[in-house]
């Protein structure tokens, strides 16, 4: 099984990829909060992301 995995890594170009560049080794960062038109609607930070998408979808129609 190991030899198959090694061949797959080589075929995908992963054999010599630096491990530290993988997303799981990156320091977490706070995402920028999106601007929304109705600032009273969001109850949480997640709501701000949802409302921003809803507002963007409403203006694209």
C-alpha atoms as a PDB file:
ATOM      1  CA  UNK A   1       0.000   0.000   0.000  1.00  0.00           C
ATOM      2  CA  UNK A   2       2.882   2.353   0.763  1.00  0.00           C
ATOM      3  CA  UNK A   3       4.388   2.010  -2.707  1.00  0.00           C
ATOM      4  CA  UNK A   4       1.047   2.934  -4.302  1.00  0.00           C
ATOM      5  CA  UNK A   5       0.809   6.034  -2.119  1.00  0.00           C
ATOM      6  CA  UNK A   6       4.360   7.076  -2.990  1.00  0.00           C
ATOM      7  CA  UNK A   7       3.648   6.686  -6.714  1.00  0.00           C
ATOM      8  CA  UNK A   8       0.450   8.715  -6.383  1.00  0.00           C
ATOM      9  CA  UNK A   9       2.326  11.478  -4.550  1.00  0.00           C
ATOM     10  CA  UNK A  10       4.949  11.546  -7.296  1.00  0.00           C
ATOM     11  CA  UNK A  11       2.314  11.574 -10.041  1.00  0.00           C
ATOM     12  CA  UNK A  12       0.512  14.491  -8.400  1.00  0.00           C
ATOM     13  CA  UNK A  13       3.713  16.416  -7.791  1.00  0.00           C
ATOM     14  CA  UNK A  14       3.395  16.087  -4.028  1.00  0.00           C
ATOM     15  CA  UNK A  15       6.549  14.106  -3.373  1.00  0.00           C
ATOM     16  CA  UNK A  16       8.769  17.155  -2.935  1.00  0.00           C
ATOM     17  CA  UNK A  17       6.141  19.686  -1.858  1.00  0.00           C
ATOM     18  CA  UNK A  18       7.135  21.630   1.244  1.00  0.00           C
ATOM     19  CA  UNK A  19       4.956  20.473   4.113  1.00  0.00           C
ATOM     20  CA  UNK A  20       4.906  23.891   5.798  1.00  0.00           C
ATOM     21  CA  UNK A  21       3.005  25.418   2.877  1.00  0.00           C
ATOM     22  CA  UNK A  22      -0.009  23.193   3.599  1.00  0.00           C
ATOM     23  CA  UNK A  23      -2.995  25.161   4.920  1.00  0.00           C
ATOM     24  CA  UNK A  24      -3.004  23.239   8.209  1.00  0.00           C
ATOM     25  CA  UNK A  25       0.419  24.669   9.098  1.00  0.00           C
ATOM     26  CA  UNK A  26      -0.672  28.277   8.579  1.00  0.00           C
ATOM     27  CA  UNK A  27      -1.428  30.484  11.566  1.00  0.00           C
ATOM     28  CA  UNK A  28      -5.183  31.130  11.886  1.00  0.00           C
ATOM     29  CA  UNK A  29      -6.259  34.672  11.117  1.00  0.00           C
ATOM     30  CA  UNK A  30      -9.431  36.664  11.664  1.00  0.00           C
ATOM     31  CA  UNK A  31     -11.315  37.231   8.417  1.00  0.00           C
ATOM     32  CA  UNK A  32     -12.423  40.781   7.660  1.00  0.00           C
ATOM     33  CA  UNK A  33     -16.077  41.315   8.494  1.00  0.00           C
ATOM     34  CA  UNK A  34     -18.074  42.094   5.360  1.00  0.00           C
ATOM     35  CA  UNK A  35     -19.943  45.381   5.083  1.00  0.00           C
ATOM     36  CA  UNK A  36     -23.725  45.036   5.079  1.00  0.00           C
ATOM     37  CA  UNK A  37     -26.457  47.568   4.386  1.00  0.00           C
ATOM     38  CA  UNK A  38     -28.727  46.467   7.249  1.00  0.00           C
ATOM     39  CA  UNK A  39     -26.384  46.623  10.240  1.00  0.00           C
ATOM     40  CA  UNK A  40     -29.206  45.889  12.702  1.00  0.00           C
ATOM     41  CA  UNK A  41     -30.070  42.489  11.179  1.00  0.00           C
ATOM     42  CA  UNK A  42     -26.974  40.421  12.039  1.00  0.00           C
ATOM     43  CA  UNK A  43     -26.966  38.931  15.537  1.00  0.00           C
ATOM     44  CA  UNK A  44     -23.546  37.322  15.169  1.00  0.00           C
ATOM     45  CA  UNK A  45     -20.451  37.491  12.994  1.00  0.00           C
ATOM     46  CA  UNK A  46     -21.721  34.521  10.978  1.00  0.00           C
ATOM     47  CA  UNK A  47     -24.929  36.451  10.263  1.00  0.00           C
ATOM     48  CA  UNK A  48     -22.853  39.259   8.727  1.00  0.00           C
ATOM     49  CA  UNK A  49     -21.361  36.814   6.197  1.00  0.00           C
ATOM     50  CA  UNK A  50     -24.789  35.360   5.392  1.00  0.00           C
ATOM     51  CA  UNK A  51     -26.404  38.775   4.994  1.00  0.00           C
ATOM     52  CA  UNK A  52     -23.571  40.011   2.778  1.00  0.00           C
ATOM     53  CA  UNK A  53     -24.160  37.052   0.424  1.00  0.00           C
ATOM     54  CA  UNK A  54     -27.934  37.599   0.465  1.00  0.00           C
ATOM     55  CA  UNK A  55     -27.539  41.301  -0.293  1.00  0.00           C
ATOM     56  CA  UNK A  56     -25.081  40.539  -3.112  1.00  0.00           C
ATOM     57  CA  UNK A  57     -27.468  37.978  -4.609  1.00  0.00           C
ATOM     58  CA  UNK A  58     -30.384  40.421  -4.408  1.00  0.00           C
ATOM     59  CA  UNK A  59     -28.476  43.118  -6.296  1.00  0.00           C
ATOM     60  CA  UNK A  60     -27.264  40.746  -9.019  1.00  0.00           C
ATOM     61  CA  UNK A  61     -30.786  39.836 -10.171  1.00  0.00           C
END
